[in-house]
Protein backbone atom coordinates (compact mmCIF):
# COMPACT_ATOMS: atom_id res chain seq x y z
CA GLN A 1 11.94 40.17 16.29
CA VAL A 2 14.87 42.60 16.52
CA GLN A 3 14.81 45.50 14.10
CA LEU A 4 17.47 48.06 13.39
CA VAL A 5 16.71 51.33 11.58
CA GLU A 6 19.45 53.79 10.45
CA SER A 7 18.82 57.35 9.89
CA ARG A 8 19.17 58.86 6.54
CA GLY A 9 22.79 59.63 5.27
CA GLY A 10 23.39 61.99 2.53
CA LEU A 11 25.65 64.05 0.26
CA VAL A 12 28.42 66.14 2.07
CA GLN A 13 31.37 67.87 1.13
CA PRO A 14 34.89 66.82 2.31
CA GLY A 15 35.56 68.12 5.77
CA TRP A 16 32.04 68.16 6.61
CA SER A 17 30.39 66.31 9.55
CA LEU A 18 27.36 63.93 9.59
CA ARG A 19 25.66 62.03 12.36
CA LEU A 20 23.86 58.67 11.78
CA SER A 21 21.61 57.06 14.19
CA CYS A 22 20.60 53.39 14.75
CA GLU A 23 17.32 52.73 16.48
CA ALA A 24 16.84 49.36 17.81
CA SER A 25 13.50 47.79 18.50
CA GLY A 26 12.20 44.28 19.42
CA PHE A 27 14.37 44.09 22.49
CA SER A 28 12.54 43.57 25.84
CA LEU A 29 13.88 45.96 28.47
CA ASP A 30 15.88 43.09 30.24
CA THR A 31 17.63 41.84 27.13
CA TYR A 32 18.67 45.19 25.49
CA ASP A 33 21.98 45.22 27.39
CA TYR A 34 22.75 41.70 25.88
CA TYR A 35 23.04 43.11 22.30
CA GLY A 36 26.19 44.81 20.97
CA ILE A 37 25.59 47.29 18.35
CA GLY A 38 28.25 48.44 15.78
CA TRP A 39 28.58 50.26 12.54
CA PHE A 40 29.81 48.59 9.29
CA ARG A 41 30.38 50.27 5.81
CA GLN A 42 30.59 48.92 2.37
CA ALA A 43 32.20 50.91 -0.53
CA PRO A 44 31.50 50.06 -4.00
CA GLY A 45 33.65 47.06 -5.02
CA LYS A 46 34.71 46.42 -1.62
CA GLU A 47 33.93 44.00 1.42
CA ARG A 48 31.94 45.33 4.13
CA GLU A 49 34.11 46.45 6.99
CA GLY A 50 33.33 46.88 10.82
CA ILE A 51 34.28 50.45 11.73
CA SER A 52 32.81 51.03 15.17
CA CYS A 53 31.03 49.36 18.07
CA ILE A 54 30.31 49.96 21.57
CA ASN A 55 30.16 47.30 24.36
CA PRO A 56 26.93 47.48 26.46
CA PHE A 57 28.66 45.93 29.52
CA ASP A 58 31.27 48.49 30.12
CA ASP A 59 30.59 51.13 27.34
CA SER A 60 33.98 50.55 25.93
CA SER A 61 34.29 51.30 22.32
CA TYR A 62 36.20 50.40 19.07
CA LEU A 63 37.07 52.43 16.12
CA SER A 64 38.85 51.07 13.23
CA SER A 65 42.23 52.73 12.11
CA SER A 66 40.43 54.15 9.02
CA VAL A 67 38.03 56.51 11.22
CA LYS A 68 39.83 56.64 14.63
CA GLY A 69 40.26 60.37 15.43
CA ARG A 70 37.38 61.48 13.16
CA PHE A 71 34.47 59.33 14.07
CA THR A 72 32.88 58.72 17.54
CA ILE A 73 30.23 56.23 18.72
CA PHE A 74 28.09 56.78 21.68
CA ARG A 75 24.60 55.53 22.78
CA ASP A 76 21.43 56.42 24.62
CA LYS A 77 20.12 53.43 26.60
CA ALA A 78 16.85 55.07 27.23
CA LYS A 79 16.17 55.67 23.57
CA ASN A 80 17.64 52.20 22.26
CA THR A 81 19.72 54.28 19.89
CA VAL A 82 23.44 54.10 18.90
CA TRP A 83 24.98 57.18 16.99
CA LEU A 84 28.14 57.37 14.85
CA GLN A 85 29.40 60.94 14.77
CA MET A 86 31.51 61.43 11.59
CA ASN A 87 33.81 64.32 11.42
CA SER A 88 36.38 65.48 8.69
CA LEU A 89 34.73 63.36 6.13
CA LYS A 90 36.73 62.30 3.20
CA PRO A 91 35.79 60.99 -0.25
CA GLU A 92 37.08 57.45 0.84
CA ASP A 93 34.43 57.51 3.45
CA THR A 94 31.78 57.15 0.74
CA ALA A 95 29.94 53.88 1.36
CA VAL A 96 26.60 52.38 2.48
CA TYR A 97 26.55 52.47 6.17
CA TYR A 98 24.97 49.52 8.13
CA CYS A 99 24.29 49.15 11.83
CA ALA A 100 24.32 45.65 13.10
CA ALA A 101 23.51 43.86 16.48
CA ARG A 102 25.17 40.92 18.03
CA ASP A 103 23.40 38.63 20.75
CA LEU A 104 26.07 38.60 23.44
CA ARG A 105 24.65 35.69 25.15
CA ILE A 106 25.89 33.36 22.38
CA PRO A 107 29.36 32.74 23.18
CA ARG A 108 31.47 33.71 20.30
CA GLY A 109 34.52 35.41 21.94
CA SER A 110 34.99 38.80 23.09
CA TYR A 111 32.87 41.65 21.58
CA CYS A 112 34.10 45.03 20.48
CA LYS A 113 37.87 44.55 21.71
CA GLY A 114 39.83 45.72 18.72
CA GLN A 115 37.86 44.25 16.10
CA LEU A 116 34.35 43.80 14.69
CA TYR A 117 33.56 40.86 12.50
CA VAL A 118 30.72 40.88 9.88
CA ALA A 119 30.00 37.19 10.24
CA GLU A 120 29.31 37.41 13.98
CA GLN A 121 26.30 39.86 13.62
CA ASP A 122 22.81 38.65 14.13
CA PHE A 123 20.76 41.46 12.98
CA TRP A 124 21.28 44.26 10.39
CA GLY A 125 19.76 47.57 9.32
CA GLN A 126 18.78 48.29 5.77
CA GLY A 127 21.78 50.51 5.23
CA THR A 128 22.06 54.17 4.42
CA GLN A 129 24.19 55.85 1.70
CA VAL A 130 26.79 58.46 2.65
CA THR A 131 28.62 60.22 -0.31
CA VAL A 132 31.44 62.49 0.27
CA SER A 133 32.07 64.58 -2.71
CA SER A 134 32.80 68.28 -3.69
């Protein structure tokens, strides 16, 4: 069973940085590269939105317009971990952040090519709260 565990978020001030990690387990070594891992967030009263992902086949990545230029995604394959580096945080970044994995062996169209859809994810982490406030 695939499990995703996010690191603890926290309360930070506007302009600060925070790094989240998503550690994946339950993959076998020969199937890890078949799972795309991305980051989503859900602010109070809003729908969950996909903000970043990384394609395991070519390491290409996607960042939504709301975080592009401030956030970076990268992964360590040996540690089965994907990180989301968040810089220049704003109050509007306040949300519960989730990582999610999609099994790329299931044909559902391209992955991490300019969009990231909630409905296409197969596994979810428990979520971690990030609050940006002075």
